[in-house]
Amino acid sequence: PGATYLGDFAKEKARGSAVSFVARPFPDRQVFQWMVYNSTPDHNEMWVVYSTRRNEMLYQRGVEPEGWPAVQAQNCLGSYHVVSLPQGGCHVVFSTMVNSHPPWPITAQFVFNIAWTKTADYIQHLRQRAQLLKRRRLAAGGKHELAVPRWLVYDGLEPNQTESGDLFVADSKKIVPPFQGPDYIADIIQADLLKDLKGLAQPKSPFPIVSMVAVMVAAAFGMAVWRCRTGHGMTALGGTELEEGTSPPLLE
């Protein structure tokens, strides 16, 4: 699990990345997503926005999708909106729209009820990490610096290969904007497919349901055995990791 940068795309003014998440006791989830940034010159207001929409190009960047048992998921729209406060500090609004493809018969609502507390824990860890970095910077007398190329952040700047280095991608094909042409038609067609899915969910005979349950139980048992044998997972972040800025290793 982790993140791999796939390139800084000049024609999109966006960075691509492949990100994997631990989803125990279920298989890991992986997303290939775009990341776009924006900031005022004085950094009093900043945006970071993520999306897996129209990401076919990112799958062609030499990073293979994780094989079984990882599941390709979607982060249709996620963002951080950061606004500085007059009294110091900042106000951050975090939003996410994830389709994790939970296994049948688990519903998205069930996943949300479990995951929202984990999301709150993540935000608290992120807050502590930001405070720690600020304390270190102030103690060293340094100024804050951007971790991404300036041309990806500020309006009016042209793509700069020197800033991006090996991540710079200049020859990619420009993606058709949303809600135009065949891409928009494809979205409409996908909505129409829901009628067919409803028909599959209401079989005349109970045999398909029984078969599906048997397959799911067998798959769950196989997954549990695989997890136990490999010890696949991650340990929780503690005080040492937060202070040193390191991530815990994978269990062997």
C-alpha atoms as a PDB file:
ATOM      1  CA  PRO A   1       0.000   0.000   0.000  1.00  0.00           C
ATOM      2  CA  GLY A   2       1.172   3.503  -0.820  1.00  0.00           C
ATOM      3  CA  ALA A   3       1.240   6.093  -3.597  1.00  0.00           C
ATOM      4  CA  THR A   4       3.132   6.229  -6.892  1.00  0.00           C
ATOM      5  CA  TYR A   5       3.242   9.407  -8.964  1.00  0.00           C
ATOM      6  CA  LEU A   6       2.467   8.725 -12.615  1.00  0.00           C
ATOM      7  CA  GLY A   7       3.409  12.090 -14.096  1.00  0.00           C
ATOM      8  CA  ASP A   8       2.724  15.826 -14.321  1.00  0.00           C
ATOM      9  CA  PHE A   9       0.534  16.188 -17.395  1.00  0.00           C
ATOM     10  CA  ALA A  10       1.151  19.510 -19.135  1.00  0.00           C
ATOM     11  CA  LYS A  11      -2.046  19.515 -21.222  1.00  0.00           C
ATOM     12  CA  GLU A  12      -4.213  18.725 -18.210  1.00  0.00           C
ATOM     13  CA  LYS A  13      -2.244  20.787 -15.666  1.00  0.00           C
ATOM     14  CA  ALA A  14      -2.736  17.860 -13.321  1.00  0.00           C
ATOM     15  CA  ARG A  15      -0.671  15.187 -11.611  1.00  0.00           C
ATOM     16  CA  GLY A  16      -1.566  11.511 -11.866  1.00  0.00           C
ATOM     17  CA  SER A  17      -1.043   8.918  -9.142  1.00  0.00           C
ATOM     18  CA  ALA A  18      -1.762   5.293  -8.286  1.00  0.00           C
ATOM     19  CA  VAL A  19      -2.799   4.897  -4.645  1.00  0.00           C
ATOM     20  CA  SER A  20      -3.465   1.692  -2.701  1.00  0.00           C
ATOM     21  CA  PHE A  21      -5.388   1.380   0.556  1.00  0.00           C
ATOM     22  CA  VAL A  22      -5.575  -1.393   3.135  1.00  0.00           C
ATOM     23  CA  ALA A  23      -9.219  -2.453   3.532  1.00  0.00           C
ATOM     24  CA  ARG A  24      -8.988  -5.331   6.009  1.00  0.00           C
ATOM     25  CA  PRO A  25     -10.730  -7.726   6.339  1.00  0.00           C
ATOM     26  CA  PHE A  26     -11.545  -7.170   2.654  1.00  0.00           C
ATOM     27  CA  PRO A  27      -9.073  -7.037  -0.247  1.00  0.00           C
ATOM     28  CA  ASP A  28      -6.995  -3.895  -0.732  1.00  0.00           C
ATOM     29  CA  ARG A  29      -8.432  -1.096  -2.846  1.00  0.00           C
ATOM     30  CA  GLN A  30      -6.476   0.774  -5.528  1.00  0.00           C
ATOM     31  CA  VAL A  31      -7.313   3.991  -7.380  1.00  0.00           C
ATOM     32  CA  PHE A  32      -5.676   5.638 -10.387  1.00  0.00           C
ATOM     33  CA  GLN A  33      -6.549   9.279  -9.873  1.00  0.00           C
ATOM     34  CA  TRP A  34      -5.924  12.807 -11.089  1.00  0.00           C
ATOM     35  CA  MET A  35      -4.777  15.468  -8.628  1.00  0.00           C
ATOM     36  CA  VAL A  36      -5.178  19.191  -9.318  1.00  0.00           C
ATOM     37  CA  TYR A  37      -4.053  22.105  -7.160  1.00  0.00           C
ATOM     38  CA  ASN A  38      -4.775  25.806  -6.833  1.00  0.00           C
ATOM     39  CA  SER A  39      -3.704  28.557  -4.472  1.00  0.00           C
ATOM     40  CA  THR A  40      -3.812  32.297  -4.073  1.00  0.00           C
ATOM     41  CA  PRO A  41      -0.356  33.943  -4.232  1.00  0.00           C
ATOM     42  CA  ASP A  42      -0.400  34.601  -0.474  1.00  0.00           C
ATOM     43  CA  HIS A  43      -1.556  31.013   0.293  1.00  0.00           C
ATOM     44  CA  ASN A  44      -4.568  32.263   2.247  1.00  0.00           C
ATOM     45  CA  GLU A  45      -6.787  29.901   0.259  1.00  0.00           C
ATOM     46  CA  MET A  46      -5.778  26.579  -1.283  1.00  0.00           C
ATOM     47  CA  TRP A  47      -7.470  23.670  -3.056  1.00  0.00           C
ATOM     48  CA  VAL A  48      -6.421  20.082  -3.671  1.00  0.00           C
ATOM     49  CA  VAL A  49      -8.909  18.035  -5.716  1.00  0.00           C
ATOM     50  CA  TYR A  50      -8.811  14.338  -6.659  1.00  0.00           C
ATOM     51  CA  SER A  51     -10.796  12.359  -9.220  1.00  0.00           C
ATOM     52  CA  THR A  52     -10.654   8.974 -10.930  1.00  0.00           C
ATOM     53  CA  ARG A  53     -12.971  10.140 -13.709  1.00  0.00           C
ATOM     54  CA  ARG A  54     -11.651   9.592 -17.253  1.00  0.00           C
ATOM     55  CA  ASN A  55      -8.442   8.071 -15.967  1.00  0.00           C
ATOM     56  CA  GLU A  56      -7.752   5.605 -18.793  1.00  0.00           C
ATOM     57  CA  MET A  57      -4.544   7.474 -19.621  1.00  0.00           C
ATOM     58  CA  LEU A  58      -3.165   6.838 -16.142  1.00  0.00           C
ATOM     59  CA  TYR A  59      -3.354   3.067 -16.648  1.00  0.00           C
ATOM     60  CA  GLN A  60      -0.875   3.471 -19.525  1.00  0.00           C
ATOM     61  CA  ARG A  61       1.906   4.973 -17.414  1.00  0.00           C
ATOM     62  CA  GLY A  62       3.816   1.761 -16.698  1.00  0.00           C
ATOM     63  CA  VAL A  63       2.343   0.962 -13.271  1.00  0.00           C
ATOM     64  CA  GLU A  64       0.375  -2.268 -13.371  1.00  0.00           C
ATOM     65  CA  PRO A  65      -2.877  -2.425 -11.400  1.00  0.00           C
ATOM     66  CA  GLU A  66      -2.532  -4.582  -8.324  1.00  0.00           C
ATOM     67  CA  GLY A  67      -3.514  -8.161  -9.039  1.00  0.00           C
ATOM     68  CA  TRP A  68      -5.904 -10.320  -7.061  1.00  0.00           C
ATOM     69  CA  PRO A  69      -7.040  -9.806  -4.409  1.00  0.00           C
ATOM     70  CA  ALA A  70      -6.824  -6.002  -4.865  1.00  0.00           C
ATOM     71  CA  VAL A  71      -9.940  -4.274  -6.205  1.00  0.00           C
ATOM     72  CA  GLN A  72      -9.903  -1.271  -8.529  1.00  0.00           C
ATOM     73  CA  ALA A  73     -12.014   1.418  -6.850  1.00  0.00           C
ATOM     74  CA  GLN A  74     -13.117   4.955  -7.731  1.00  0.00           C
ATOM     75  CA  ASN A  75     -12.730   8.283  -6.005  1.00  0.00           C
ATOM     76  CA  CYS A  76     -15.161  10.224  -8.165  1.00  0.00           C
ATOM     77  CA  LEU A  77     -14.491  13.506  -6.374  1.00  0.00           C
ATOM     78  CA  GLY A  78     -12.397  14.255  -3.310  1.00  0.00           C
ATOM     79  CA  SER A  79     -11.040  17.587  -2.139  1.00  0.00           C
ATOM     80  CA  TYR A  80      -9.346  19.625   0.560  1.00  0.00           C
ATOM     81  CA  HIS A  81     -10.316  23.306   0.772  1.00  0.00           C
ATOM     82  CA  VAL A  82      -7.975  25.200   3.086  1.00  0.00           C
ATOM     83  CA  VAL A  83      -8.651  28.775   4.245  1.00  0.00           C
ATOM     84  CA  SER A  84      -6.385  30.659   6.656  1.00  0.00           C
ATOM     85  CA  LEU A  85      -7.952  32.183   9.784  1.00  0.00           C
ATOM     86  CA  PRO A  86      -7.283  35.726  11.077  1.00  0.00           C
ATOM     87  CA  GLN A  87      -6.405  34.399  14.539  1.00  0.00           C
ATOM     88  CA  GLY A  88      -3.939  31.889  13.108  1.00  0.00           C
ATOM     89  CA  GLY A  89      -4.282  28.341  11.889  1.00  0.00           C
ATOM     90  CA  CYS A  90      -6.685  27.381   9.136  1.00  0.00           C
ATOM     91  CA  HIS A  91     -10.085  25.901   8.427  1.00  0.00           C
ATOM     92  CA  VAL A  92     -10.099  22.763   6.282  1.00  0.00           C
ATOM     93  CA  VAL A  93     -13.113  21.229   4.558  1.00  0.00           C
ATOM     94  CA  PHE A  94     -12.541  17.642   3.444  1.00  0.00           C
ATOM     95  CA  SER A  95     -14.922  15.897   1.067  1.00  0.00           C
ATOM     96  CA  THR A  96     -14.863  12.495  -0.573  1.00  0.00           C
ATOM     97  CA  MET A  97     -17.016  10.477  -2.958  1.00  0.00           C
ATOM     98  CA  VAL A  98     -15.578   6.971  -2.982  1.00  0.00           C
ATOM     99  CA  ASN A  99     -16.973   3.859  -4.627  1.00  0.00           C
ATOM    100  CA  SER A 100     -15.052   1.060  -2.930  1.00  0.00           C
ATOM    101  CA  HIS A 101     -17.069  -1.735  -4.600  1.00  0.00           C
ATOM    102  CA  PRO A 102     -18.001  -3.588  -1.404  1.00  0.00           C
ATOM    103  CA  PRO A 103     -18.637  -7.300  -1.931  1.00  0.00           C
ATOM    104  CA  TRP A 104     -22.235  -8.520  -2.135  1.00  0.00           C
ATOM    105  CA  PRO A 105     -24.381  -8.415  -0.019  1.00  0.00           C
ATOM    106  CA  ILE A 106     -22.680  -5.511   1.811  1.00  0.00           C
ATOM    107  CA  THR A 107     -24.201  -2.147   0.934  1.00  0.00           C
ATOM    108  CA  ALA A 108     -22.497   1.215   0.514  1.00  0.00           C
ATOM    109  CA  GLN A 109     -24.436   2.507   3.532  1.00  0.00           C
ATOM    110  CA  PHE A 110     -23.066  -0.316   5.680  1.00  0.00           C
ATOM    111  CA  VAL A 111     -19.521   0.523   4.576  1.00  0.00           C
ATOM    112  CA  PHE A 112     -20.065   4.211   5.343  1.00  0.00           C
ATOM    113  CA  ASN A 113     -21.339   3.475   8.849  1.00  0.00           C
ATOM    114  CA  ILE A 114     -18.129   1.559   9.550  1.00  0.00           C
ATOM    115  CA  ALA A 115     -15.680   3.788   7.693  1.00  0.00           C
ATOM    116  CA  TRP A 116     -16.726   7.245   8.830  1.00  0.00           C
ATOM    117  CA  THR A 117     -15.081   6.792  12.245  1.00  0.00           C
ATOM    118  CA  LYS A 118     -11.878   5.695  10.487  1.00  0.00           C
ATOM    119  CA  THR A 119     -12.104   8.811   8.336  1.00  0.00           C
ATOM    120  CA  ALA A 120     -12.360  10.942  11.474  1.00  0.00           C
ATOM    121  CA  ASP A 121      -9.279   9.195  12.887  1.00  0.00           C
ATOM    122  CA  TYR A 122      -7.421   9.890   9.639  1.00  0.00           C
ATOM    123  CA  ILE A 123      -8.275  13.600   9.822  1.00  0.00           C
ATOM    124  CA  GLN A 124      -7.006  13.765  13.399  1.00  0.00           C
ATOM    125  CA  HIS A 125      -3.705  12.133  12.397  1.00  0.00           C
ATOM    126  CA  LEU A 126      -3.431  14.529   9.444  1.00  0.00           C
ATOM    127  CA  ARG A 127      -4.051  17.493  11.766  1.00  0.00           C
ATOM    128  CA  GLN A 128      -1.375  16.336  14.202  1.00  0.00           C
ATOM    129  CA  ARG A 129       1.088  15.801  11.357  1.00  0.00           C
ATOM    130  CA  ALA A 130       0.472  19.307   9.977  1.00  0.00           C
ATOM    131  CA  GLN A 131       0.967  20.851  13.421  1.00  0.00           C
ATOM    132  CA  LEU A 132       4.200  18.915  13.890  1.00  0.00           C
ATOM    133  CA  LEU A 133       5.599  20.062  10.546  1.00  0.00           C
ATOM    134  CA  LYS A 134       4.728  23.663  11.357  1.00  0.00           C
ATOM    135  CA  ARG A 135       6.486  23.466  14.736  1.00  0.00           C
ATOM    136  CA  ARG A 136       9.587  22.021  13.095  1.00  0.00           C
ATOM    137  CA  ARG A 137       9.609  24.690  10.399  1.00  0.00           C
ATOM    138  CA  LEU A 138       9.222  27.543  12.877  1.00  0.00           C
ATOM    139  CA  ALA A 139      11.921  26.094  15.141  1.00  0.00           C
ATOM    140  CA  ALA A 140      14.312  25.913  12.182  1.00  0.00           C
ATOM    141  CA  GLY A 141      13.433  29.452  11.086  1.00  0.00           C
ATOM    142  CA  GLY A 142      12.522  28.257   7.612  1.00  0.00           C
ATOM    143  CA  LYS A 143       9.776  29.251   5.220  1.00  0.00           C
ATOM    144  CA  HIS A 144       7.091  26.949   3.914  1.00  0.00           C
ATOM    145  CA  GLU A 145       7.729  25.532   0.465  1.00  0.00           C
ATOM    146  CA  LEU A 146       5.498  23.859  -2.083  1.00  0.00           C
ATOM    147  CA  ALA A 147       5.881  20.119  -2.526  1.00  0.00           C
ATOM    148  CA  VAL A 148       4.584  20.256  -6.128  1.00  0.00           C
ATOM    149  CA  PRO A 149       5.692  22.333  -9.136  1.00  0.00           C
ATOM    150  CA  ARG A 150       4.507  25.947  -9.067  1.00  0.00           C
ATOM    151  CA  TRP A 151       2.937  25.677 -12.526  1.00  0.00           C
ATOM    152  CA  LEU A 152       0.489  23.095 -11.124  1.00  0.00           C
ATOM    153  CA  VAL A 153      -0.597  25.459  -8.333  1.00  0.00           C
ATOM    154  CA  TYR A 154      -0.769  29.068  -9.512  1.00  0.00           C
ATOM    155  CA  ASP A 155      -2.976  30.514 -12.227  1.00  0.00           C
ATOM    156  CA  GLY A 156      -1.333  31.844 -15.380  1.00  0.00           C
ATOM    157  CA  LEU A 157       1.899  29.810 -15.277  1.00  0.00           C
ATOM    158  CA  GLU A 158       2.996  27.695 -18.220  1.00  0.00           C
ATOM    159  CA  PRO A 159       4.044  24.048 -17.732  1.00  0.00           C
ATOM    160  CA  ASN A 160       7.683  23.825 -16.696  1.00  0.00           C
ATOM    161  CA  GLN A 161       9.623  20.647 -17.387  1.00  0.00           C
ATOM    162  CA  THR A 162      12.517  21.759 -15.173  1.00  0.00           C
ATOM    163  CA  GLU A 163      10.264  21.925 -12.113  1.00  0.00           C
ATOM    164  CA  SER A 164       8.648  18.535 -12.757  1.00  0.00           C
ATOM    165  CA  GLY A 165      11.794  16.700 -13.830  1.00  0.00           C
ATOM    166  CA  ASP A 166      11.212  13.098 -14.889  1.00  0.00           C
ATOM    167  CA  LEU A 167       7.506  13.359 -14.029  1.00  0.00           C
ATOM    168  CA  PHE A 168       6.862  15.852 -16.842  1.00  0.00           C
ATOM    169  CA  VAL A 169       4.498  14.519 -19.535  1.00  0.00           C
ATOM    170  CA  ALA A 170       4.206  16.778 -22.584  1.00  0.00           C
ATOM    171  CA  ASP A 171       2.966  14.486 -25.358  1.00  0.00           C
ATOM    172  CA  SER A 172      -0.251  13.118 -23.867  1.00  0.00           C
ATOM    173  CA  LYS A 173      -3.540  13.531 -25.697  1.00  0.00           C
ATOM    174  CA  LYS A 174      -5.854  16.197 -24.296  1.00  0.00           C
ATOM    175  CA  ILE A 175      -8.848  14.625 -22.554  1.00  0.00           C
ATOM    176  CA  VAL A 176     -12.297  15.642 -23.779  1.00  0.00           C
ATOM    177  CA  PRO A 177     -13.948  17.856 -21.119  1.00  0.00           C
ATOM    178  CA  PRO A 178     -16.913  16.373 -19.200  1.00  0.00           C
ATOM    179  CA  PHE A 179     -20.432  16.480 -20.592  1.00  0.00           C
ATOM    180  CA  GLN A 180     -19.391  16.714 -24.231  1.00  0.00           C
ATOM    181  CA  GLY A 181     -19.445  14.260 -27.091  1.00  0.00           C
ATOM    182  CA  PRO A 182     -19.379  10.462 -26.709  1.00  0.00           C
ATOM    183  CA  ASP A 183     -18.058  10.602 -23.143  1.00  0.00           C
ATOM    184  CA  TYR A 184     -21.318  12.187 -21.973  1.00  0.00           C
ATOM    185  CA  ILE A 185     -23.360   9.669 -23.986  1.00  0.00           C
ATOM    186  CA  ALA A 186     -21.466   6.825 -22.289  1.00  0.00           C
ATOM    187  CA  ASP A 187     -22.498   8.148 -18.872  1.00  0.00           C
ATOM    188  CA  ILE A 188     -26.163   8.145 -19.944  1.00  0.00           C
ATOM    189  CA  ILE A 189     -25.922   4.592 -21.280  1.00  0.00           C
ATOM    190  CA  GLN A 190     -24.452   3.417 -17.978  1.00  0.00           C
ATOM    191  CA  ALA A 191     -27.482   4.843 -16.174  1.00  0.00           C
ATOM    192  CA  ASP A 192     -29.794   2.870 -18.456  1.00  0.00           C
ATOM    193  CA  LEU A 193     -28.031  -0.353 -17.534  1.00  0.00           C
ATOM    194  CA  LEU A 194     -29.552  -0.097 -14.067  1.00  0.00           C
ATOM    195  CA  LYS A 195     -32.801  -1.540 -15.462  1.00  0.00           C
ATOM    196  CA  ASP A 196     -30.992  -4.716 -16.488  1.00  0.00           C
ATOM    197  CA  LEU A 197     -29.315  -4.971 -13.088  1.00  0.00           C
ATOM    198  CA  LYS A 198     -32.684  -4.752 -11.336  1.00  0.00           C
ATOM    199  CA  GLY A 199     -33.902  -7.692 -13.411  1.00  0.00           C
ATOM    200  CA  LEU A 200     -30.882  -9.768 -12.381  1.00  0.00           C
ATOM    201  CA  ALA A 201     -31.529  -8.941  -8.733  1.00  0.00           C
ATOM    202  CA  GLN A 202     -35.026 -10.455  -8.896  1.00  0.00           C
ATOM    203  CA  PRO A 203     -34.661 -14.005 -10.281  1.00  0.00           C
ATOM    204  CA  LYS A 204     -37.722 -16.230 -10.603  1.00  0.00           C
ATOM    205  CA  SER A 205     -35.942 -19.164  -9.016  1.00  0.00           C
ATOM    206  CA  PRO A 206     -34.114 -19.171  -5.664  1.00  0.00           C
ATOM    207  CA  PHE A 207     -31.352 -21.319  -7.169  1.00  0.00           C
ATOM    208  CA  PRO A 208     -29.229 -18.349  -8.434  1.00  0.00           C
ATOM    209  CA  ILE A 209     -29.340 -16.767  -4.981  1.00  0.00           C
ATOM    210  CA  VAL A 210     -28.269 -19.985  -3.263  1.00  0.00           C
ATOM    211  CA  SER A 211     -25.442 -20.403  -5.784  1.00  0.00           C
ATOM    212  CA  MET A 212     -24.285 -16.833  -5.260  1.00  0.00           C
ATOM    213  CA  VAL A 213     -24.241 -17.250  -1.478  1.00  0.00           C
ATOM    214  CA  ALA A 214     -22.184 -20.446  -1.772  1.00  0.00           C
ATOM    215  CA  VAL A 215     -19.663 -18.710  -4.056  1.00  0.00           C
ATOM    216  CA  MET A 216     -19.360 -15.722  -1.714  1.00  0.00           C
ATOM    217  CA  VAL A 217     -18.834 -17.944   1.352  1.00  0.00           C
ATOM    218  CA  ALA A 218     -16.128 -19.913  -0.459  1.00  0.00           C
ATOM    219  CA  ALA A 219     -14.433 -16.700  -1.589  1.00  0.00           C
ATOM    220  CA  ALA A 220     -14.536 -15.235   1.932  1.00  0.00           C
ATOM    221  CA  PHE A 221     -13.023 -18.412   3.381  1.00  0.00           C
ATOM    222  CA  GLY A 222     -10.247 -18.383   0.786  1.00  0.00           C
ATOM    223  CA  MET A 223      -9.514 -14.733   1.512  1.00  0.00           C
ATOM    224  CA  ALA A 224      -9.325 -15.361   5.257  1.00  0.00           C
ATOM    225  CA  VAL A 225      -6.852 -18.213   4.719  1.00  0.00           C
ATOM    226  CA  TRP A 226      -4.742 -16.068   2.385  1.00  0.00           C
ATOM    227  CA  ARG A 227      -4.676 -13.200   4.873  1.00  0.00           C
ATOM    228  CA  CYS A 228      -3.648 -15.457   7.728  1.00  0.00           C
ATOM    229  CA  ARG A 229      -0.819 -17.055   5.753  1.00  0.00           C
ATOM    230  CA  THR A 230       0.632 -13.826   4.426  1.00  0.00           C
ATOM    231  CA  GLY A 231      -0.014 -11.601   7.467  1.00  0.00           C
ATOM    232  CA  HIS A 232      -0.984  -8.864   5.025  1.00  0.00           C
ATOM    233  CA  GLY A 233      -1.797  -5.653   6.837  1.00  0.00           C
ATOM    234  CA  MET A 234      -0.395  -2.582   8.516  1.00  0.00           C
ATOM    235  CA  THR A 235       0.069  -1.536  12.104  1.00  0.00           C
ATOM    236  CA  ALA A 236      -1.558   1.572  13.508  1.00  0.00           C
ATOM    237  CA  LEU A 237       0.303   4.880  13.658  1.00  0.00           C
ATOM    238  CA  GLY A 238       1.731   5.670  17.057  1.00  0.00           C
ATOM    239  CA  GLY A 239       3.489   8.610  18.658  1.00  0.00           C
ATOM    240  CA  THR A 240       6.926   7.629  17.359  1.00  0.00           C
ATOM    241  CA  GLU A 241       5.760   7.427  13.744  1.00  0.00           C
ATOM    242  CA  LEU A 242       4.013  10.790  14.000  1.00  0.00           C
ATOM    243  CA  GLU A 243       7.068  12.470  15.524  1.00  0.00           C
ATOM    244  CA  GLU A 244       9.514  10.986  13.030  1.00  0.00           C
ATOM    245  CA  GLY A 245       7.210  11.228  10.054  1.00  0.00           C
ATOM    246  CA  THR A 246       7.606   7.555   9.168  1.00  0.00           C
ATOM    247  CA  SER A 247       5.079   4.910   8.253  1.00  0.00           C
ATOM    248  CA  PRO A 248       4.944   1.521  10.000  1.00  0.00           C
ATOM    249  CA  PRO A 249       6.308  -1.387   7.940  1.00  0.00           C
ATOM    250  CA  LEU A 250       4.194  -4.107   6.448  1.00  0.00           C
ATOM    251  CA  LEU A 251       3.927  -7.219   8.542  1.00  0.00           C
ATOM    252  CA  GLU A 252       6.078 -10.028   7.227  1.00  0.00           C
END
